[in-house]
Amino acid sequence: MRAAPLPAYDALRAASWHPPGSSSAADVARVVLAVVDADEPPLRILVGELAADAVLPITEERLAGWLRWEDLGRTAG
């Protein structure tokens, strides 16, 4: 059982579900269907600008760190 939502928080709830710059459901569906129809679909895909902006810099930083230490790591055989 849940309490009834308080109208005072309607704007906050709306913003948290659809932050500025987020993709519309129709745009996400279009991308997902294109992936499903692809001859070689990816295992993972970043959908929308927010996802790419959030994930790519972190991933690039991690990759750079792994590459910096790759030679030493490989010495373990």
C-alpha atoms as a PDB file:
ATOM      1  CA  MET A   1       0.000   0.000   0.000  1.00  0.00           C
ATOM      2  CA  ARG A   2       1.345   3.421  -0.937  1.00  0.00           C
ATOM      3  CA  ALA A   3       0.447   6.863   0.282  1.00  0.00           C
ATOM      4  CA  ALA A   4      -1.239   9.230  -2.121  1.00  0.00           C
ATOM      5  CA  PRO A   5       1.278  11.466  -3.922  1.00  0.00           C
ATOM      6  CA  LEU A   6       1.417  15.040  -2.676  1.00  0.00           C
ATOM      7  CA  PRO A   7       0.700  17.593  -5.434  1.00  0.00           C
ATOM      8  CA  ALA A   8       3.450  19.848  -4.045  1.00  0.00           C
ATOM      9  CA  TYR A   9       5.982  17.357  -5.417  1.00  0.00           C
ATOM     10  CA  ASP A  10       4.458  16.920  -8.895  1.00  0.00           C
ATOM     11  CA  ALA A  11       7.073  19.102 -10.627  1.00  0.00           C
ATOM     12  CA  LEU A  12       9.927  17.291  -8.889  1.00  0.00           C
ATOM     13  CA  ARG A  13       8.511  13.882  -9.825  1.00  0.00           C
ATOM     14  CA  ALA A  14       8.086  14.958 -13.442  1.00  0.00           C
ATOM     15  CA  ALA A  15      11.639  16.309 -13.621  1.00  0.00           C
ATOM     16  CA  SER A  16      13.146  13.182 -12.104  1.00  0.00           C
ATOM     17  CA  TRP A  17      11.420  10.939 -14.628  1.00  0.00           C
ATOM     18  CA  HIS A  18      12.180  13.163 -17.592  1.00  0.00           C
ATOM     19  CA  PRO A  19      15.216  15.325 -16.887  1.00  0.00           C
ATOM     20  CA  PRO A  20      15.945  18.138 -19.342  1.00  0.00           C
ATOM     21  CA  GLY A  21      17.630  16.726 -22.405  1.00  0.00           C
ATOM     22  CA  SER A  22      16.305  13.201 -21.895  1.00  0.00           C
ATOM     23  CA  SER A  23      15.097  11.207 -24.862  1.00  0.00           C
ATOM     24  CA  SER A  24      11.429  10.765 -25.593  1.00  0.00           C
ATOM     25  CA  ALA A  25       9.915   7.302 -25.378  1.00  0.00           C
ATOM     26  CA  ALA A  26       9.339   7.395 -29.139  1.00  0.00           C
ATOM     27  CA  ASP A  27      13.015   8.177 -29.817  1.00  0.00           C
ATOM     28  CA  VAL A  28      14.159   5.372 -27.503  1.00  0.00           C
ATOM     29  CA  ALA A  29      11.755   2.940 -29.179  1.00  0.00           C
ATOM     30  CA  ARG A  30      13.061   3.944 -32.617  1.00  0.00           C
ATOM     31  CA  VAL A  31      16.653   3.265 -31.535  1.00  0.00           C
ATOM     32  CA  VAL A  32      15.797  -0.056 -29.873  1.00  0.00           C
ATOM     33  CA  LEU A  33      13.923  -1.255 -32.947  1.00  0.00           C
ATOM     34  CA  ALA A  34      16.837  -0.255 -35.186  1.00  0.00           C
ATOM     35  CA  VAL A  35      19.180  -2.277 -32.951  1.00  0.00           C
ATOM     36  CA  VAL A  36      16.850  -5.283 -33.044  1.00  0.00           C
ATOM     37  CA  ASP A  37      16.701  -5.098 -36.835  1.00  0.00           C
ATOM     38  CA  ALA A  38      20.478  -4.710 -37.272  1.00  0.00           C
ATOM     39  CA  ASP A  39      22.422  -7.513 -38.946  1.00  0.00           C
ATOM     40  CA  GLU A  40      25.015  -7.385 -36.156  1.00  0.00           C
ATOM     41  CA  PRO A  41      23.339  -5.770 -33.144  1.00  0.00           C
ATOM     42  CA  PRO A  42      25.571  -4.552 -30.325  1.00  0.00           C
ATOM     43  CA  LEU A  43      25.524  -6.172 -26.901  1.00  0.00           C
ATOM     44  CA  ARG A  44      25.160  -2.730 -25.372  1.00  0.00           C
ATOM     45  CA  ILE A  45      24.223   0.700 -26.644  1.00  0.00           C
ATOM     46  CA  LEU A  46      24.010   4.102 -25.024  1.00  0.00           C
ATOM     47  CA  VAL A  47      20.618   5.551 -25.857  1.00  0.00           C
ATOM     48  CA  GLY A  48      20.295   9.311 -25.744  1.00  0.00           C
ATOM     49  CA  GLU A  49      22.616  12.211 -25.206  1.00  0.00           C
ATOM     50  CA  LEU A  50      22.373  12.024 -21.409  1.00  0.00           C
ATOM     51  CA  ALA A  51      23.540   8.414 -21.385  1.00  0.00           C
ATOM     52  CA  ALA A  52      26.448   9.097 -23.724  1.00  0.00           C
ATOM     53  CA  ASP A  53      27.464  12.246 -21.860  1.00  0.00           C
ATOM     54  CA  ALA A  54      27.408  10.410 -18.521  1.00  0.00           C
ATOM     55  CA  VAL A  55      29.041   7.115 -19.505  1.00  0.00           C
ATOM     56  CA  LEU A  56      31.605   7.884 -22.204  1.00  0.00           C
ATOM     57  CA  PRO A  57      33.909  10.140 -20.153  1.00  0.00           C
ATOM     58  CA  ILE A  58      33.991   7.603 -17.310  1.00  0.00           C
ATOM     59  CA  THR A  59      34.689   4.760 -19.728  1.00  0.00           C
ATOM     60  CA  GLU A  60      37.438   6.728 -21.485  1.00  0.00           C
ATOM     61  CA  GLU A  61      39.060   7.487 -18.124  1.00  0.00           C
ATOM     62  CA  ARG A  62      38.954   3.817 -17.112  1.00  0.00           C
ATOM     63  CA  LEU A  63      40.384   2.683 -20.439  1.00  0.00           C
ATOM     64  CA  ALA A  64      43.216   5.203 -20.182  1.00  0.00           C
ATOM     65  CA  GLY A  65      44.059   3.890 -16.706  1.00  0.00           C
ATOM     66  CA  TRP A  66      44.016   0.276 -17.848  1.00  0.00           C
ATOM     67  CA  LEU A  67      46.241   1.108 -20.792  1.00  0.00           C
ATOM     68  CA  ARG A  68      48.711   2.992 -18.562  1.00  0.00           C
ATOM     69  CA  TRP A  69      49.156  -0.133 -16.439  1.00  0.00           C
ATOM     70  CA  GLU A  70      48.732  -2.740 -19.174  1.00  0.00           C
ATOM     71  CA  ASP A  71      52.439  -3.570 -19.540  1.00  0.00           C
ATOM     72  CA  LEU A  72      52.925  -4.190 -15.839  1.00  0.00           C
ATOM     73  CA  GLY A  73      49.704  -6.173 -15.582  1.00  0.00           C
ATOM     74  CA  ARG A  74      50.725  -8.481 -18.408  1.00  0.00           C
ATOM     75  CA  THR A  75      53.945  -9.376 -16.622  1.00  0.00           C
ATOM     76  CA  ALA A  76      51.905 -11.611 -14.328  1.00  0.00           C
ATOM     77  CA  GLY A  77      51.575 -14.008 -17.255  1.00  0.00           C
END
